[in-house]
Amino acid sequence: MNKFELQGDFIELIKLLKAIGIAENGGHAQAIVTDGQVTLNGEIETRKRAKIRIGDIIKVFGEEYEITNS
């Protein structure tokens, strides 16, 4: 499982996808989310601006990312 160190209280889902290198740009990130390719804590997440917080686990294209504190 990969880890992403969060700076602050939360990060929006589409910004996270860009930060971890899954999405090339904002439009690509939105398409990934809209297509149902992302799960948040085991549930499909379709909210592009969902607030991702410490302890959350994101799965996209078979890769898992745990959100940790810095």
N, C-alpha and C. Protein backbone atom coordinates (compact mmCIF):
# COMPACT_ATOMS: atom_id res chain seq x y z
N MET A 1 0.85 -1.18 0.00
CA MET A 1 0.00 0.00 0.00
C MET A 1 0.90 1.24 0.00
N ASN A 2 0.54 2.18 -0.85
CA ASN A 2 1.25 3.45 -0.93
C ASN A 2 0.74 4.39 0.16
N LYS A 3 1.55 5.36 0.53
CA LYS A 3 1.15 6.35 1.52
C LYS A 3 1.24 7.74 0.92
N PHE A 4 0.31 8.60 1.32
CA PHE A 4 0.33 10.00 0.92
C PHE A 4 0.27 10.83 2.18
N GLU A 5 1.30 11.67 2.38
CA GLU A 5 1.35 12.52 3.57
C GLU A 5 0.56 13.79 3.33
N LEU A 6 -0.46 13.96 4.12
CA LEU A 6 -1.37 15.10 3.97
C LEU A 6 -0.84 16.30 4.73
N GLN A 7 -0.80 17.43 4.07
CA GLN A 7 -0.44 18.71 4.69
C GLN A 7 -1.75 19.45 4.92
N GLY A 8 -2.17 19.60 6.15
CA GLY A 8 -3.43 20.27 6.45
C GLY A 8 -4.50 19.28 6.88
N ASP A 9 -5.75 19.77 6.91
CA ASP A 9 -6.87 18.97 7.40
C ASP A 9 -7.42 18.00 6.37
N PHE A 10 -7.43 18.42 5.10
CA PHE A 10 -8.00 17.58 4.04
C PHE A 10 -7.45 18.00 2.69
N ILE A 11 -7.71 17.16 1.68
CA ILE A 11 -7.41 17.48 0.29
C ILE A 11 -8.59 17.01 -0.54
N GLU A 12 -8.97 17.78 -1.53
CA GLU A 12 -10.07 17.37 -2.41
C GLU A 12 -9.62 16.19 -3.26
N LEU A 13 -10.54 15.30 -3.56
CA LEU A 13 -10.21 14.07 -4.29
C LEU A 13 -9.50 14.34 -5.61
N ILE A 14 -10.01 15.27 -6.42
CA ILE A 14 -9.37 15.49 -7.72
C ILE A 14 -7.96 16.06 -7.56
N LYS A 15 -7.74 16.85 -6.51
CA LYS A 15 -6.39 17.37 -6.25
C LYS A 15 -5.46 16.26 -5.80
N LEU A 16 -5.99 15.32 -5.04
CA LEU A 16 -5.20 14.17 -4.61
C LEU A 16 -4.77 13.33 -5.80
N LEU A 17 -5.69 13.09 -6.72
CA LEU A 17 -5.35 12.28 -7.89
C LEU A 17 -4.23 12.92 -8.71
N LYS A 18 -4.23 14.23 -8.78
CA LYS A 18 -3.14 14.94 -9.47
C LYS A 18 -1.85 14.85 -8.66
N ALA A 19 -1.95 15.02 -7.34
CA ALA A 19 -0.76 15.02 -6.48
C ALA A 19 -0.03 13.68 -6.48
N ILE A 20 -0.77 12.57 -6.57
CA ILE A 20 -0.12 11.25 -6.55
C ILE A 20 0.26 10.79 -7.95
N GLY A 21 -0.04 11.61 -8.95
CA GLY A 21 0.41 11.29 -10.31
C GLY A 21 -0.51 10.38 -11.10
N ILE A 22 -1.71 10.11 -10.59
CA ILE A 22 -2.67 9.27 -11.31
C ILE A 22 -3.28 10.04 -12.47
N ALA A 23 -3.60 11.31 -12.21
CA ALA A 23 -4.25 12.15 -13.24
C ALA A 23 -3.23 13.15 -13.79
N GLU A 24 -3.32 13.38 -15.09
CA GLU A 24 -2.42 14.33 -15.75
C GLU A 24 -2.83 15.77 -15.49
N ASN A 25 -4.13 16.01 -15.34
CA ASN A 25 -4.64 17.36 -15.10
C ASN A 25 -6.02 17.24 -14.44
N GLY A 26 -6.62 18.41 -14.17
CA GLY A 26 -7.91 18.41 -13.47
C GLY A 26 -9.02 17.72 -14.24
N GLY A 27 -9.06 17.92 -15.55
CA GLY A 27 -10.09 17.28 -16.36
C GLY A 27 -9.96 15.77 -16.36
N HIS A 28 -8.72 15.30 -16.42
CA HIS A 28 -8.47 13.86 -16.37
C HIS A 28 -8.90 13.30 -15.01
N ALA A 29 -8.59 14.02 -13.94
CA ALA A 29 -8.98 13.59 -12.59
C ALA A 29 -10.49 13.51 -12.47
N GLN A 30 -11.19 14.51 -13.00
CA GLN A 30 -12.65 14.50 -12.93
C GLN A 30 -13.23 13.32 -13.71
N ALA A 31 -12.65 13.00 -14.85
CA ALA A 31 -13.13 11.87 -15.65
C ALA A 31 -12.94 10.55 -14.91
N ILE A 32 -11.81 10.40 -14.23
CA ILE A 32 -11.54 9.17 -13.47
C ILE A 32 -12.61 8.99 -12.38
N VAL A 33 -12.92 10.08 -11.69
CA VAL A 33 -13.91 10.01 -10.61
C VAL A 33 -15.31 9.75 -11.18
N THR A 34 -15.67 10.48 -12.22
CA THR A 34 -16.99 10.33 -12.84
C THR A 34 -17.22 8.92 -13.35
N ASP A 35 -16.16 8.29 -13.85
CA ASP A 35 -16.25 6.93 -14.38
C ASP A 35 -16.34 5.86 -13.29
N GLY A 36 -16.29 6.27 -12.02
CA GLY A 36 -16.41 5.30 -10.92
C GLY A 36 -15.16 4.48 -10.69
N GLN A 37 -14.01 5.03 -11.03
CA GLN A 37 -12.74 4.30 -10.90
C GLN A 37 -12.09 4.45 -9.53
N VAL A 38 -12.69 5.25 -8.65
CA VAL A 38 -12.08 5.53 -7.34
C VAL A 38 -12.98 5.00 -6.22
N THR A 39 -12.35 4.32 -5.25
CA THR A 39 -13.08 3.97 -4.05
C THR A 39 -12.45 4.71 -2.87
N LEU A 40 -13.30 5.11 -1.95
CA LEU A 40 -12.89 5.76 -0.71
C LEU A 40 -13.35 4.87 0.42
N ASN A 41 -12.41 4.31 1.14
CA ASN A 41 -12.70 3.40 2.25
C ASN A 41 -13.64 2.27 1.83
N GLY A 42 -13.40 1.73 0.64
CA GLY A 42 -14.13 0.57 0.15
C GLY A 42 -15.41 0.86 -0.61
N GLU A 43 -15.81 2.11 -0.70
CA GLU A 43 -17.04 2.49 -1.40
C GLU A 43 -16.71 3.36 -2.60
N ILE A 44 -17.39 3.14 -3.71
CA ILE A 44 -17.17 3.97 -4.90
C ILE A 44 -17.47 5.42 -4.56
N GLU A 45 -16.53 6.29 -4.91
CA GLU A 45 -16.69 7.72 -4.62
C GLU A 45 -16.84 8.49 -5.93
N THR A 46 -17.96 9.20 -6.08
CA THR A 46 -18.20 9.95 -7.31
C THR A 46 -18.21 11.46 -7.08
N ARG A 47 -17.96 11.88 -5.85
CA ARG A 47 -17.88 13.32 -5.57
C ARG A 47 -16.47 13.80 -5.88
N LYS A 48 -16.34 14.64 -6.89
CA LYS A 48 -15.02 15.10 -7.33
C LYS A 48 -14.29 15.88 -6.26
N ARG A 49 -15.03 16.60 -5.46
CA ARG A 49 -14.41 17.44 -4.44
C ARG A 49 -14.58 16.87 -3.03
N ALA A 50 -14.74 15.54 -2.96
CA ALA A 50 -14.85 14.89 -1.65
C ALA A 50 -13.61 15.23 -0.83
N LYS A 51 -13.81 15.51 0.45
CA LYS A 51 -12.70 15.86 1.33
C LYS A 51 -12.05 14.58 1.84
N ILE A 52 -10.80 14.40 1.46
CA ILE A 52 -10.04 13.22 1.86
C ILE A 52 -9.21 13.61 3.08
N ARG A 53 -9.33 12.80 4.14
CA ARG A 53 -8.69 13.14 5.42
C ARG A 53 -7.73 12.03 5.87
N ILE A 54 -6.95 12.34 6.88
CA ILE A 54 -6.02 11.37 7.45
C ILE A 54 -6.79 10.11 7.87
N GLY A 55 -6.24 8.96 7.51
CA GLY A 55 -6.86 7.67 7.83
C GLY A 55 -7.68 7.10 6.70
N ASP A 56 -8.03 7.92 5.72
CA ASP A 56 -8.80 7.43 4.57
C ASP A 56 -7.91 6.56 3.69
N ILE A 57 -8.54 5.63 2.98
CA ILE A 57 -7.84 4.79 2.03
C ILE A 57 -8.53 4.94 0.68
N ILE A 58 -7.74 5.33 -0.30
CA ILE A 58 -8.22 5.53 -1.68
C ILE A 58 -7.68 4.39 -2.52
N LYS A 59 -8.52 3.87 -3.38
CA LYS A 59 -8.08 2.85 -4.33
C LYS A 59 -8.46 3.31 -5.72
N VAL A 60 -7.49 3.33 -6.63
CA VAL A 60 -7.73 3.74 -8.01
C VAL A 60 -6.84 2.91 -8.92
N PHE A 61 -7.44 2.33 -9.95
CA PHE A 61 -6.73 1.47 -10.90
C PHE A 61 -5.90 0.39 -10.21
N GLY A 62 -6.46 -0.20 -9.14
CA GLY A 62 -5.80 -1.30 -8.46
C GLY A 62 -4.74 -0.91 -7.45
N GLU A 63 -4.43 0.37 -7.33
CA GLU A 63 -3.43 0.85 -6.38
C GLU A 63 -4.13 1.47 -5.18
N GLU A 64 -3.66 1.13 -3.97
CA GLU A 64 -4.21 1.69 -2.75
C GLU A 64 -3.29 2.75 -2.18
N TYR A 65 -3.90 3.80 -1.65
CA TYR A 65 -3.15 4.89 -1.04
C TYR A 65 -3.76 5.18 0.32
N GLU A 66 -2.93 5.11 1.35
CA GLU A 66 -3.37 5.46 2.70
C GLU A 66 -2.97 6.91 2.95
N ILE A 67 -3.90 7.68 3.48
CA ILE A 67 -3.63 9.09 3.78
C ILE A 67 -3.11 9.16 5.20
N THR A 68 -1.90 9.71 5.34
CA THR A 68 -1.25 9.80 6.65
C THR A 68 -0.97 11.25 6.99
N ASN A 69 -0.57 11.50 8.23
CA ASN A 69 -0.19 12.87 8.59
C ASN A 69 1.30 13.06 8.36
N SER A 70 1.70 14.30 8.25
CA SER A 70 3.10 14.59 7.94
C SER A 70 4.00 14.47 9.15
